[in-house]
């Protein structure tokens, strides 16, 4: 499957055996977290940093899956030019009708009895726009997930807009409740990948993605799925001498690393891991260390971003917002590890 994806021009990376999350980083990357762009492992052909390592190089693919043919396969959606709708079918409390389709008020006269999952909200969105549900689109690759959900694969136009990933429960950027979008900044599990919960299985005859329908492209644009400006960086409360920050870094990192490990561990499950709470705690602590001059702010931002992206690669902008806010809050209470027992 990895070779087939690469032949289609889709960069791939290995997933942990029996799971839908990327294989772990090497010991060096785990012990000294850093930005994927600065990692020497990627040019060396290692699989660290999840979808950031994705490639179409046949020699690397042979080496990676030669180590363990049971590794799953993930496709980095952005470089592959893919947008995948990930429909969830998990049991969850249905939100108020104003939260079902962001930006679209649903009149009280519309009967929502029986609405229970992303299949229903996507069908509702399509009906409001005068189209059949993408879940029934037999012209494109569709993949049934072990949990009963559905992945609907589409390809974007060359040179067209770059779409970003989102989760259907987000109060900021979302297409529909229980419908995630996998695009730039995210990856998708390929057909035939096996997890402990089951196998990702193609549905219907189509085995390749069809072009993204115009009406769906318009909906992605309407709901903010095109990249916008990065959040404003929070200025440090006061300048910190670089020498002091460098001297305090080892103890500061020892204090921060357990919290970063908790954030990275959230990769084990797509939900229910208190990811935002754990990232907030780590960033708040880092803010205190920065304010005490024991860690430089760029270093803290890099460590936090790497941990967050490892756990939730499709929520990069959300993570940046949490990090910026918590760093600022933590800076109000300097935290000096030298003063702790």
C-alpha atoms as a PDB file:
ATOM      1  CA  UNK A   1       0.000   0.000   0.000  1.00  0.00           C
ATOM      2  CA  UNK A   2       2.855   2.413   0.775  1.00  0.00           C
ATOM      3  CA  UNK A   3       4.351   1.885  -2.680  1.00  0.00           C
ATOM      4  CA  UNK A   4       0.959   2.268  -4.357  1.00  0.00           C
ATOM      5  CA  UNK A   5       0.364   5.584  -2.584  1.00  0.00           C
ATOM      6  CA  UNK A   6       3.842   6.828  -3.470  1.00  0.00           C
ATOM      7  CA  UNK A   7       3.247   5.886  -7.107  1.00  0.00           C
ATOM      8  CA  UNK A   8       0.233   8.190  -7.025  1.00  0.00           C
ATOM      9  CA  UNK A   9       2.424  11.011  -5.735  1.00  0.00           C
ATOM     10  CA  UNK A  10       1.157  10.830  -2.164  1.00  0.00           C
ATOM     11  CA  UNK A  11       3.916  11.086   0.489  1.00  0.00           C
ATOM     12  CA  UNK A  12       3.532   8.374   3.135  1.00  0.00           C
ATOM     13  CA  UNK A  13       4.849   7.677   6.621  1.00  0.00           C
ATOM     14  CA  UNK A  14       4.575   4.615   8.883  1.00  0.00           C
ATOM     15  CA  UNK A  15       1.968   4.171  11.600  1.00  0.00           C
ATOM     16  CA  UNK A  16       2.546   2.171  14.754  1.00  0.00           C
ATOM     17  CA  UNK A  17       1.569  -1.491  14.484  1.00  0.00           C
ATOM     18  CA  UNK A  18      -2.091  -1.942  15.383  1.00  0.00           C
ATOM     19  CA  UNK A  19      -2.686   1.794  15.804  1.00  0.00           C
ATOM     20  CA  UNK A  20      -3.699   4.769  13.700  1.00  0.00           C
ATOM     21  CA  UNK A  21      -1.003   7.060  15.109  1.00  0.00           C
ATOM     22  CA  UNK A  22       2.540   7.574  13.752  1.00  0.00           C
ATOM     23  CA  UNK A  23       5.420   5.486  15.028  1.00  0.00           C
ATOM     24  CA  UNK A  24       7.319   7.125  17.867  1.00  0.00           C
ATOM     25  CA  UNK A  25      10.346   9.349  17.515  1.00  0.00           C
ATOM     26  CA  UNK A  26      13.853   7.994  17.936  1.00  0.00           C
ATOM     27  CA  UNK A  27      15.412   8.190  21.454  1.00  0.00           C
ATOM     28  CA  UNK A  28      17.401  11.306  20.550  1.00  0.00           C
ATOM     29  CA  UNK A  29      14.278  13.176  19.445  1.00  0.00           C
ATOM     30  CA  UNK A  30      12.332  12.054  22.510  1.00  0.00           C
ATOM     31  CA  UNK A  31      15.055  13.186  24.901  1.00  0.00           C
ATOM     32  CA  UNK A  32      15.670  16.540  23.199  1.00  0.00           C
ATOM     33  CA  UNK A  33      12.413  17.696  21.582  1.00  0.00           C
ATOM     34  CA  UNK A  34      12.761  20.157  18.708  1.00  0.00           C
ATOM     35  CA  UNK A  35      10.992  21.448  15.635  1.00  0.00           C
ATOM     36  CA  UNK A  36      10.678  18.940  12.793  1.00  0.00           C
ATOM     37  CA  UNK A  37      12.259  21.483  10.439  1.00  0.00           C
ATOM     38  CA  UNK A  38      15.428  21.434  12.562  1.00  0.00           C
ATOM     39  CA  UNK A  39      15.618  17.654  12.959  1.00  0.00           C
ATOM     40  CA  UNK A  40      18.671  15.921  11.462  1.00  0.00           C
ATOM     41  CA  UNK A  41      16.748  12.638  11.388  1.00  0.00           C
ATOM     42  CA  UNK A  42      14.566  13.618   8.434  1.00  0.00           C
ATOM     43  CA  UNK A  43      17.416  14.288   5.967  1.00  0.00           C
ATOM     44  CA  UNK A  44      18.973  11.059   7.263  1.00  0.00           C
ATOM     45  CA  UNK A  45      15.896   9.089   6.194  1.00  0.00           C
ATOM     46  CA  UNK A  46      14.420   8.344   9.626  1.00  0.00           C
ATOM     47  CA  UNK A  47      10.698   8.334  10.316  1.00  0.00           C
ATOM     48  CA  UNK A  48      10.631  10.768  13.241  1.00  0.00           C
ATOM     49  CA  UNK A  49       7.937  13.461  13.591  1.00  0.00           C
ATOM     50  CA  UNK A  50       5.028  11.651  11.969  1.00  0.00           C
ATOM     51  CA  UNK A  51       3.702  13.166   8.761  1.00  0.00           C
ATOM     52  CA  UNK A  52       6.643  15.576   8.597  1.00  0.00           C
ATOM     53  CA  UNK A  53       8.734  12.554   7.533  1.00  0.00           C
ATOM     54  CA  UNK A  54       6.350  11.517   4.745  1.00  0.00           C
ATOM     55  CA  UNK A  55       8.062  10.686   1.459  1.00  0.00           C
ATOM     56  CA  UNK A  56       7.628   8.996  -1.902  1.00  0.00           C
ATOM     57  CA  UNK A  57      11.253   7.779  -1.999  1.00  0.00           C
ATOM     58  CA  UNK A  58      11.047   4.048  -2.875  1.00  0.00           C
ATOM     59  CA  UNK A  59      14.327   3.267  -1.091  1.00  0.00           C
ATOM     60  CA  UNK A  60      13.091   4.806   2.153  1.00  0.00           C
ATOM     61  CA  UNK A  61       9.775   2.995   1.864  1.00  0.00           C
ATOM     62  CA  UNK A  62      11.592  -0.309   1.368  1.00  0.00           C
ATOM     63  CA  UNK A  63      13.785   0.405   4.383  1.00  0.00           C
ATOM     64  CA  UNK A  64      10.947   1.483   6.672  1.00  0.00           C
ATOM     65  CA  UNK A  65       8.488  -1.302   5.914  1.00  0.00           C
ATOM     66  CA  UNK A  66      11.356  -3.752   5.583  1.00  0.00           C
ATOM     67  CA  UNK A  67      11.926  -3.295   9.318  1.00  0.00           C
ATOM     68  CA  UNK A  68       8.330  -4.329  10.022  1.00  0.00           C
ATOM     69  CA  UNK A  69       5.848  -5.057   7.205  1.00  0.00           C
ATOM     70  CA  UNK A  70       3.012  -4.800   9.738  1.00  0.00           C
ATOM     71  CA  UNK A  71       3.442  -1.047  10.103  1.00  0.00           C
ATOM     72  CA  UNK A  72       0.381   0.884   9.013  1.00  0.00           C
ATOM     73  CA  UNK A  73       0.438   3.563   6.329  1.00  0.00           C
ATOM     74  CA  UNK A  74      -0.447   7.227   6.666  1.00  0.00           C
ATOM     75  CA  UNK A  75      -0.631   9.791   3.857  1.00  0.00           C
ATOM     76  CA  UNK A  76       0.377  13.408   4.474  1.00  0.00           C
ATOM     77  CA  UNK A  77      -2.664  15.098   2.960  1.00  0.00           C
ATOM     78  CA  UNK A  78      -1.298  18.566   2.206  1.00  0.00           C
ATOM     79  CA  UNK A  79       1.704  17.554   0.063  1.00  0.00           C
ATOM     80  CA  UNK A  80      -0.452  14.871  -1.568  1.00  0.00           C
ATOM     81  CA  UNK A  81      -2.987  17.459  -2.712  1.00  0.00           C
ATOM     82  CA  UNK A  82      -5.772  15.675  -0.843  1.00  0.00           C
ATOM     83  CA  UNK A  83      -8.772  16.757   1.184  1.00  0.00           C
ATOM     84  CA  UNK A  84     -10.385  13.913   3.109  1.00  0.00           C
ATOM     85  CA  UNK A  85     -13.699  14.208   4.931  1.00  0.00           C
ATOM     86  CA  UNK A  86     -13.555  12.072   8.067  1.00  0.00           C
ATOM     87  CA  UNK A  87     -17.079  11.245   9.199  1.00  0.00           C
ATOM     88  CA  UNK A  88     -17.387  10.173  12.816  1.00  0.00           C
ATOM     89  CA  UNK A  89     -20.103   7.838  14.005  1.00  0.00           C
ATOM     90  CA  UNK A  90     -19.240   7.919  17.703  1.00  0.00           C
ATOM     91  CA  UNK A  91     -22.032   8.185  20.222  1.00  0.00           C
ATOM     92  CA  UNK A  92     -22.057  11.746  21.511  1.00  0.00           C
ATOM     93  CA  UNK A  93     -24.507  14.312  22.794  1.00  0.00           C
ATOM     94  CA  UNK A  94     -25.971  16.234  19.869  1.00  0.00           C
ATOM     95  CA  UNK A  95     -25.237  19.956  20.263  1.00  0.00           C
ATOM     96  CA  UNK A  96     -27.724  22.773  19.780  1.00  0.00           C
ATOM     97  CA  UNK A  97     -28.889  23.126  16.190  1.00  0.00           C
ATOM     98  CA  UNK A  98     -26.844  26.324  15.826  1.00  0.00           C
ATOM     99  CA  UNK A  99     -23.665  24.262  16.314  1.00  0.00           C
ATOM    100  CA  UNK A 100     -24.437  21.535  13.777  1.00  0.00           C
ATOM    101  CA  UNK A 101     -23.416  23.477  10.659  1.00  0.00           C
ATOM    102  CA  UNK A 102     -21.140  26.409  11.542  1.00  0.00           C
ATOM    103  CA  UNK A 103     -22.404  29.640  10.051  1.00  0.00           C
ATOM    104  CA  UNK A 104     -25.706  28.161   8.891  1.00  0.00           C
ATOM    105  CA  UNK A 105     -28.757  28.773  11.103  1.00  0.00           C
ATOM    106  CA  UNK A 106     -31.163  25.843  11.052  1.00  0.00           C
ATOM    107  CA  UNK A 107     -34.742  27.017  11.420  1.00  0.00           C
ATOM    108  CA  UNK A 108     -36.830  25.517  14.194  1.00  0.00           C
ATOM    109  CA  UNK A 109     -39.222  24.138  11.584  1.00  0.00           C
ATOM    110  CA  UNK A 110     -36.536  21.704  10.378  1.00  0.00           C
ATOM    111  CA  UNK A 111     -37.140  18.346  12.039  1.00  0.00           C
ATOM    112  CA  UNK A 112     -33.833  17.017  13.376  1.00  0.00           C
ATOM    113  CA  UNK A 113     -35.274  13.890  14.955  1.00  0.00           C
ATOM    114  CA  UNK A 114     -32.886  10.991  14.441  1.00  0.00           C
ATOM    115  CA  UNK A 115     -29.817  13.144  13.766  1.00  0.00           C
ATOM    116  CA  UNK A 116     -26.999  11.355  15.574  1.00  0.00           C
ATOM    117  CA  UNK A 117     -23.699  11.484  13.686  1.00  0.00           C
ATOM    118  CA  UNK A 118     -21.544  13.121  11.047  1.00  0.00           C
ATOM    119  CA  UNK A 119     -23.366  11.134   8.377  1.00  0.00           C
ATOM    120  CA  UNK A 120     -26.482  13.123   9.240  1.00  0.00           C
ATOM    121  CA  UNK A 121     -24.881  16.566   9.435  1.00  0.00           C
ATOM    122  CA  UNK A 122     -23.004  16.102   6.150  1.00  0.00           C
ATOM    123  CA  UNK A 123     -26.202  14.937   4.456  1.00  0.00           C
ATOM    124  CA  UNK A 124     -28.003  17.974   5.880  1.00  0.00           C
ATOM    125  CA  UNK A 125     -25.321  20.350   4.588  1.00  0.00           C
ATOM    126  CA  UNK A 126     -25.428  18.739   1.148  1.00  0.00           C
ATOM    127  CA  UNK A 127     -29.223  18.903   1.028  1.00  0.00           C
ATOM    128  CA  UNK A 128     -29.210  22.590   1.934  1.00  0.00           C
ATOM    129  CA  UNK A 129     -26.835  23.176  -0.983  1.00  0.00           C
ATOM    130  CA  UNK A 130     -28.854  21.024  -3.371  1.00  0.00           C
ATOM    131  CA  UNK A 131     -26.423  18.119  -3.650  1.00  0.00           C
ATOM    132  CA  UNK A 132     -26.334  14.454  -2.592  1.00  0.00           C
ATOM    133  CA  UNK A 133     -24.235  13.594   0.427  1.00  0.00           C
ATOM    134  CA  UNK A 134     -20.530  12.986  -0.263  1.00  0.00           C
ATOM    135  CA  UNK A 135     -20.934   9.829   1.816  1.00  0.00           C
ATOM    136  CA  UNK A 136     -22.854   8.433  -1.158  1.00  0.00           C
ATOM    137  CA  UNK A 137     -20.368   9.651  -3.787  1.00  0.00           C
ATOM    138  CA  UNK A 138     -19.519   6.487  -5.731  1.00  0.00           C
ATOM    139  CA  UNK A 139     -17.148   8.388  -8.032  1.00  0.00           C
ATOM    140  CA  UNK A 140     -14.474   8.808  -5.368  1.00  0.00           C
ATOM    141  CA  UNK A 141     -12.482   6.655  -2.968  1.00  0.00           C
ATOM    142  CA  UNK A 142     -14.383   6.015   0.248  1.00  0.00           C
ATOM    143  CA  UNK A 143     -12.976   4.015   3.136  1.00  0.00           C
ATOM    144  CA  UNK A 144     -14.937   2.502   6.026  1.00  0.00           C
ATOM    145  CA  UNK A 145     -13.168   2.899   9.371  1.00  0.00           C
ATOM    146  CA  UNK A 146     -13.141   0.237  12.103  1.00  0.00           C
ATOM    147  CA  UNK A 147     -15.338   2.438  14.307  1.00  0.00           C
ATOM    148  CA  UNK A 148     -18.069   2.674  11.664  1.00  0.00           C
ATOM    149  CA  UNK A 149     -17.057   6.065  10.296  1.00  0.00           C
ATOM    150  CA  UNK A 150     -16.159   6.900   6.711  1.00  0.00           C
ATOM    151  CA  UNK A 151     -13.226   8.614   4.995  1.00  0.00           C
ATOM    152  CA  UNK A 152     -14.159  10.372   1.741  1.00  0.00           C
ATOM    153  CA  UNK A 153     -11.085  11.170  -0.344  1.00  0.00           C
ATOM    154  CA  UNK A 154     -10.917  14.057  -2.822  1.00  0.00           C
ATOM    155  CA  UNK A 155      -8.049  15.602  -4.741  1.00  0.00           C
ATOM    156  CA  UNK A 156      -7.533  19.347  -5.013  1.00  0.00           C
ATOM    157  CA  UNK A 157      -6.803  21.252  -8.204  1.00  0.00           C
ATOM    158  CA  UNK A 158      -3.093  21.845  -8.916  1.00  0.00           C
ATOM    159  CA  UNK A 159      -2.257  25.425  -8.009  1.00  0.00           C
ATOM    160  CA  UNK A 160      -5.592  25.823  -6.232  1.00  0.00           C
ATOM    161  CA  UNK A 161      -6.264  26.792  -2.614  1.00  0.00           C
ATOM    162  CA  UNK A 162      -4.460  24.959   0.174  1.00  0.00           C
ATOM    163  CA  UNK A 163      -6.993  23.797   2.715  1.00  0.00           C
ATOM    164  CA  UNK A 164      -6.242  23.195   6.361  1.00  0.00           C
ATOM    165  CA  UNK A 165      -7.359  20.463   8.715  1.00  0.00           C
ATOM    166  CA  UNK A 166     -10.095  20.811  11.324  1.00  0.00           C
ATOM    167  CA  UNK A 167     -12.207  18.808  13.739  1.00  0.00           C
ATOM    168  CA  UNK A 168     -15.973  18.844  13.645  1.00  0.00           C
ATOM    169  CA  UNK A 169     -16.294  19.762  17.319  1.00  0.00           C
ATOM    170  CA  UNK A 170     -14.192  22.924  16.991  1.00  0.00           C
ATOM    171  CA  UNK A 171     -16.023  26.152  17.899  1.00  0.00           C
ATOM    172  CA  UNK A 172     -13.748  28.077  15.510  1.00  0.00           C
ATOM    173  CA  UNK A 173     -13.095  26.221  12.242  1.00  0.00           C
ATOM    174  CA  UNK A 174     -15.293  23.255  11.311  1.00  0.00           C
ATOM    175  CA  UNK A 175     -17.293  22.011   8.339  1.00  0.00           C
ATOM    176  CA  UNK A 176     -19.997  20.138  10.239  1.00  0.00           C
ATOM    177  CA  UNK A 177     -20.481  18.472  13.603  1.00  0.00           C
ATOM    178  CA  UNK A 178     -18.697  15.086  13.700  1.00  0.00           C
ATOM    179  CA  UNK A 179     -17.091  15.721  10.299  1.00  0.00           C
ATOM    180  CA  UNK A 180     -13.335  16.292  10.475  1.00  0.00           C
ATOM    181  CA  UNK A 181     -11.317  17.652   7.561  1.00  0.00           C
ATOM    182  CA  UNK A 182      -7.904  16.134   6.836  1.00  0.00           C
ATOM    183  CA  UNK A 183      -5.788  18.438   4.683  1.00  0.00           C
ATOM    184  CA  UNK A 184      -2.644  20.528   5.177  1.00  0.00           C
ATOM    185  CA  UNK A 185      -1.236  19.849   8.626  1.00  0.00           C
ATOM    186  CA  UNK A 186      -2.799  16.406   8.885  1.00  0.00           C
ATOM    187  CA  UNK A 187      -2.658  12.842   7.634  1.00  0.00           C
ATOM    188  CA  UNK A 188      -5.095  10.080   6.776  1.00  0.00           C
ATOM    189  CA  UNK A 189      -4.933   6.336   7.348  1.00  0.00           C
ATOM    190  CA  UNK A 190      -4.841   4.386   4.086  1.00  0.00           C
ATOM    191  CA  UNK A 191      -7.097   1.532   3.027  1.00  0.00           C
ATOM    192  CA  UNK A 192      -5.930  -1.928   4.155  1.00  0.00           C
ATOM    193  CA  UNK A 193      -4.246  -0.568   7.301  1.00  0.00           C
ATOM    194  CA  UNK A 194      -5.058  -2.815  10.239  1.00  0.00           C
ATOM    195  CA  UNK A 195      -5.534  -1.647  13.811  1.00  0.00           C
ATOM    196  CA  UNK A 196      -6.613  -3.466  16.939  1.00  0.00           C
ATOM    197  CA  UNK A 197     -10.140  -2.227  16.236  1.00  0.00           C
ATOM    198  CA  UNK A 198     -10.235  -3.580  12.682  1.00  0.00           C
ATOM    199  CA  UNK A 199      -9.223  -2.848   9.094  1.00  0.00           C
ATOM    200  CA  UNK A 200      -9.758   0.273   6.996  1.00  0.00           C
ATOM    201  CA  UNK A 201     -11.809  -1.061   4.091  1.00  0.00           C
ATOM    202  CA  UNK A 202     -12.660   0.541   0.705  1.00  0.00           C
ATOM    203  CA  UNK A 203     -16.347   1.016  -0.077  1.00  0.00           C
ATOM    204  CA  UNK A 204     -17.671   0.723  -3.613  1.00  0.00           C
ATOM    205  CA  UNK A 205     -15.676   0.356  -6.829  1.00  0.00           C
ATOM    206  CA  UNK A 206     -13.717   3.636  -6.894  1.00  0.00           C
ATOM    207  CA  UNK A 207     -10.093   3.306  -5.810  1.00  0.00           C
ATOM    208  CA  UNK A 208      -8.857   6.837  -6.548  1.00  0.00           C
ATOM    209  CA  UNK A 209      -9.963  10.256  -5.292  1.00  0.00           C
ATOM    210  CA  UNK A 210     -12.226  12.311  -7.535  1.00  0.00           C
ATOM    211  CA  UNK A 211     -11.777  16.088  -7.899  1.00  0.00           C
ATOM    212  CA  UNK A 212     -13.080  18.085  -4.940  1.00  0.00           C
ATOM    213  CA  UNK A 213     -16.632  19.149  -5.860  1.00  0.00           C
ATOM    214  CA  UNK A 214     -17.041  22.889  -6.398  1.00  0.00           C
ATOM    215  CA  UNK A 215     -19.760  23.179  -3.790  1.00  0.00           C
ATOM    216  CA  UNK A 216     -17.570  21.501  -1.156  1.00  0.00           C
ATOM    217  CA  UNK A 217     -14.670  23.777  -2.075  1.00  0.00           C
ATOM    218  CA  UNK A 218     -16.992  26.734  -1.539  1.00  0.00           C
ATOM    219  CA  UNK A 219     -18.048  25.371   1.850  1.00  0.00           C
ATOM    220  CA  UNK A 220     -14.423  24.905   2.923  1.00  0.00           C
ATOM    221  CA  UNK A 221     -13.721  28.490   1.937  1.00  0.00           C
ATOM    222  CA  UNK A 222     -16.818  29.741   3.755  1.00  0.00           C
ATOM    223  CA  UNK A 223     -15.920  27.916   6.959  1.00  0.00           C
ATOM    224  CA  UNK A 224     -12.347  29.228   7.134  1.00  0.00           C
ATOM    225  CA  UNK A 225     -10.417  26.215   5.883  1.00  0.00           C
ATOM    226  CA  UNK A 226      -8.001  28.314   3.859  1.00  0.00           C
ATOM    227  CA  UNK A 227      -4.897  29.374   5.803  1.00  0.00           C
ATOM    228  CA  UNK A 228      -5.128  32.739   7.523  1.00  0.00           C
ATOM    229  CA  UNK A 229      -2.587  34.882   9.360  1.00  0.00           C
ATOM    230  CA  UNK A 230      -0.673  33.285  12.180  1.00  0.00           C
ATOM    231  CA  UNK A 231      -1.675  34.333  15.724  1.00  0.00           C
ATOM    232  CA  UNK A 232       0.195  37.322  17.087  1.00  0.00           C
ATOM    233  CA  UNK A 233       3.220  36.347  19.091  1.00  0.00           C
ATOM    234  CA  UNK A 234       3.019  37.318  22.765  1.00  0.00           C
ATOM    235  CA  UNK A 235       5.982  39.537  23.728  1.00  0.00           C
ATOM    236  CA  UNK A 236       8.090  38.428  26.705  1.00  0.00           C
ATOM    237  CA  UNK A 237       7.442  40.283  29.980  1.00  0.00           C
ATOM    238  CA  UNK A 238      11.044  41.423  30.143  1.00  0.00           C
ATOM    239  CA  UNK A 239      14.302  40.694  28.314  1.00  0.00           C
ATOM    240  CA  UNK A 240      16.218  37.659  29.541  1.00  0.00           C
ATOM    241  CA  UNK A 241      20.001  37.422  29.209  1.00  0.00           C
ATOM    242  CA  UNK A 242      20.745  34.549  26.853  1.00  0.00           C
ATOM    243  CA  UNK A 243      23.600  33.268  29.006  1.00  0.00           C
ATOM    244  CA  UNK A 244      21.396  32.900  32.060  1.00  0.00           C
ATOM    245  CA  UNK A 245      18.688  31.149  30.080  1.00  0.00           C
ATOM    246  CA  UNK A 246      21.256  28.782  28.627  1.00  0.00           C
ATOM    247  CA  UNK A 247      22.669  27.998  32.059  1.00  0.00           C
ATOM    248  CA  UNK A 248      19.213  27.284  33.487  1.00  0.00           C
ATOM    249  CA  UNK A 249      18.008  25.236  30.552  1.00  0.00           C
ATOM    250  CA  UNK A 250      19.004  21.737  31.789  1.00  0.00           C
ATOM    251  CA  UNK A 251      17.011  21.979  35.037  1.00  0.00           C
ATOM    252  CA  UNK A 252      14.196  23.790  33.282  1.00  0.00           C
ATOM    253  CA  UNK A 253      13.953  21.021  30.693  1.00  0.00           C
ATOM    254  CA  UNK A 254      13.901  18.366  33.401  1.00  0.00           C
ATOM    255  CA  UNK A 255      10.968  20.168  34.993  1.00  0.00           C
ATOM    256  CA  UNK A 256       9.147  20.662  31.703  1.00  0.00           C
ATOM    257  CA  UNK A 257       9.773  17.285  30.044  1.00  0.00           C
ATOM    258  CA  UNK A 258       7.233  15.229  32.091  1.00  0.00           C
ATOM    259  CA  UNK A 259       4.524  17.702  31.090  1.00  0.00           C
ATOM    260  CA  UNK A 260       5.574  17.549  27.437  1.00  0.00           C
ATOM    261  CA  UNK A 261       5.510  13.758  27.630  1.00  0.00           C
ATOM    262  CA  UNK A 262       1.887  13.918  28.808  1.00  0.00           C
ATOM    263  CA  UNK A 263       1.034  16.052  25.771  1.00  0.00           C
ATOM    264  CA  UNK A 264       2.785  13.686  23.352  1.00  0.00           C
ATOM    265  CA  UNK A 265       1.041  10.699  24.940  1.00  0.00           C
ATOM    266  CA  UNK A 266      -2.303  12.118  23.760  1.00  0.00           C
ATOM    267  CA  UNK A 267      -1.431  10.695  20.338  1.00  0.00           C
ATOM    268  CA  UNK A 268      -2.631   7.325  21.649  1.00  0.00           C
ATOM    269  CA  UNK A 269      -6.271   8.347  21.161  1.00  0.00           C
ATOM    270  CA  UNK A 270      -8.099  10.851  18.983  1.00  0.00           C
ATOM    271  CA  UNK A 271     -10.237  12.119  21.846  1.00  0.00           C
ATOM    272  CA  UNK A 272     -10.833  11.839  25.570  1.00  0.00           C
ATOM    273  CA  UNK A 273      -7.196  12.488  26.563  1.00  0.00           C
ATOM    274  CA  UNK A 274      -7.567  16.056  27.931  1.00  0.00           C
ATOM    275  CA  UNK A 275      -5.120  17.239  25.264  1.00  0.00           C
ATOM    276  CA  UNK A 276      -5.894  20.958  25.594  1.00  0.00           C
ATOM    277  CA  UNK A 277      -5.692  20.843  29.395  1.00  0.00           C
ATOM    278  CA  UNK A 278      -2.313  19.085  29.303  1.00  0.00           C
ATOM    279  CA  UNK A 279      -0.921  21.435  26.659  1.00  0.00           C
ATOM    280  CA  UNK A 280      -2.145  24.417  28.658  1.00  0.00           C
ATOM    281  CA  UNK A 281      -0.418  23.108  31.803  1.00  0.00           C
ATOM    282  CA  UNK A 282       2.861  22.550  29.974  1.00  0.00           C
ATOM    283  CA  UNK A 283       2.771  25.981  28.332  1.00  0.00           C
ATOM    284  CA  UNK A 284       1.891  27.713  31.609  1.00  0.00           C
ATOM    285  CA  UNK A 285       4.889  26.069  33.281  1.00  0.00           C
ATOM    286  CA  UNK A 286       7.104  27.016  30.346  1.00  0.00           C
ATOM    287  CA  UNK A 287       5.937  30.624  30.634  1.00  0.00           C
ATOM    288  CA  UNK A 288       7.070  30.698  34.246  1.00  0.00           C
ATOM    289  CA  UNK A 289      10.458  29.280  33.305  1.00  0.00           C
ATOM    290  CA  UNK A 290      10.843  31.900  30.570  1.00  0.00           C
ATOM    291  CA  UNK A 291       9.934  34.701  32.971  1.00  0.00           C
ATOM    292  CA  UNK A 292      12.531  33.413  35.452  1.00  0.00           C
ATOM    293  CA  UNK A 293      15.186  33.482  32.747  1.00  0.00           C
ATOM    294  CA  UNK A 294      15.663  29.717  32.799  1.00  0.00           C
ATOM    295  CA  UNK A 295      14.457  29.065  29.262  1.00  0.00           C
ATOM    296  CA  UNK A 296      14.334  31.216  26.140  1.00  0.00           C
ATOM    297  CA  UNK A 297      10.901  31.869  24.738  1.00  0.00           C
ATOM    298  CA  UNK A 298      11.699  30.587  21.210  1.00  0.00           C
ATOM    299  CA  UNK A 299      12.993  27.354  22.742  1.00  0.00           C
ATOM    300  CA  UNK A 300       9.849  27.001  24.858  1.00  0.00           C
ATOM    301  CA  UNK A 301       7.626  27.613  21.836  1.00  0.00           C
ATOM    302  CA  UNK A 302       9.508  25.029  19.798  1.00  0.00           C
ATOM    303  CA  UNK A 303       9.272  22.381  22.528  1.00  0.00           C
ATOM    304  CA  UNK A 304       5.561  22.954  23.050  1.00  0.00           C
ATOM    305  CA  UNK A 305       4.730  23.060  19.344  1.00  0.00           C
ATOM    306  CA  UNK A 306       6.641  19.838  18.653  1.00  0.00           C
ATOM    307  CA  UNK A 307       4.825  18.010  21.448  1.00  0.00           C
ATOM    308  CA  UNK A 308       1.428  19.338  20.368  1.00  0.00           C
ATOM    309  CA  UNK A 309       1.972  18.503  16.691  1.00  0.00           C
ATOM    310  CA  UNK A 310       3.104  14.990  17.598  1.00  0.00           C
ATOM    311  CA  UNK A 311      -0.187  14.387  19.406  1.00  0.00           C
ATOM    312  CA  UNK A 312      -2.627  16.395  17.289  1.00  0.00           C
ATOM    313  CA  UNK A 313      -1.064  17.190  13.893  1.00  0.00           C
ATOM    314  CA  UNK A 314      -4.433  18.281  12.534  1.00  0.00           C
ATOM    315  CA  UNK A 315      -4.950  20.913  15.272  1.00  0.00           C
ATOM    316  CA  UNK A 316      -1.833  23.016  14.712  1.00  0.00           C
ATOM    317  CA  UNK A 317      -3.520  26.422  14.861  1.00  0.00           C
ATOM    318  CA  UNK A 318      -5.540  25.459  17.926  1.00  0.00           C
ATOM    319  CA  UNK A 319      -2.322  24.366  19.616  1.00  0.00           C
ATOM    320  CA  UNK A 320      -0.594  27.648  18.753  1.00  0.00           C
ATOM    321  CA  UNK A 321      -3.467  29.575  20.321  1.00  0.00           C
ATOM    322  CA  UNK A 322      -3.334  27.517  23.526  1.00  0.00           C
ATOM    323  CA  UNK A 323       0.451  27.834  23.715  1.00  0.00           C
ATOM    324  CA  UNK A 324       0.454  31.611  23.228  1.00  0.00           C
ATOM    325  CA  UNK A 325      -2.244  32.168  25.843  1.00  0.00           C
ATOM    326  CA  UNK A 326      -0.745  29.858  28.476  1.00  0.00           C
ATOM    327  CA  UNK A 327       2.810  31.151  27.955  1.00  0.00           C
ATOM    328  CA  UNK A 328       1.542  34.670  28.580  1.00  0.00           C
ATOM    329  CA  UNK A 329      -0.373  33.616  31.694  1.00  0.00           C
ATOM    330  CA  UNK A 330       2.554  31.628  33.074  1.00  0.00           C
ATOM    331  CA  UNK A 331       4.921  34.555  32.555  1.00  0.00           C
ATOM    332  CA  UNK A 332       3.075  36.413  35.309  1.00  0.00           C
ATOM    333  CA  UNK A 333       4.471  33.895  37.828  1.00  0.00           C
ATOM    334  CA  UNK A 334       8.212  33.336  37.295  1.00  0.00           C
ATOM    335  CA  UNK A 335       9.227  29.774  38.082  1.00  0.00           C
ATOM    336  CA  UNK A 336      12.852  29.235  39.048  1.00  0.00           C
ATOM    337  CA  UNK A 337      13.856  25.550  39.345  1.00  0.00           C
ATOM    338  CA  UNK A 338      16.913  26.611  41.351  1.00  0.00           C
ATOM    339  CA  UNK A 339      14.603  27.681  44.128  1.00  0.00           C
ATOM    340  CA  UNK A 340      12.802  24.331  44.284  1.00  0.00           C
ATOM    341  CA  UNK A 341      13.931  21.336  46.344  1.00  0.00           C
END
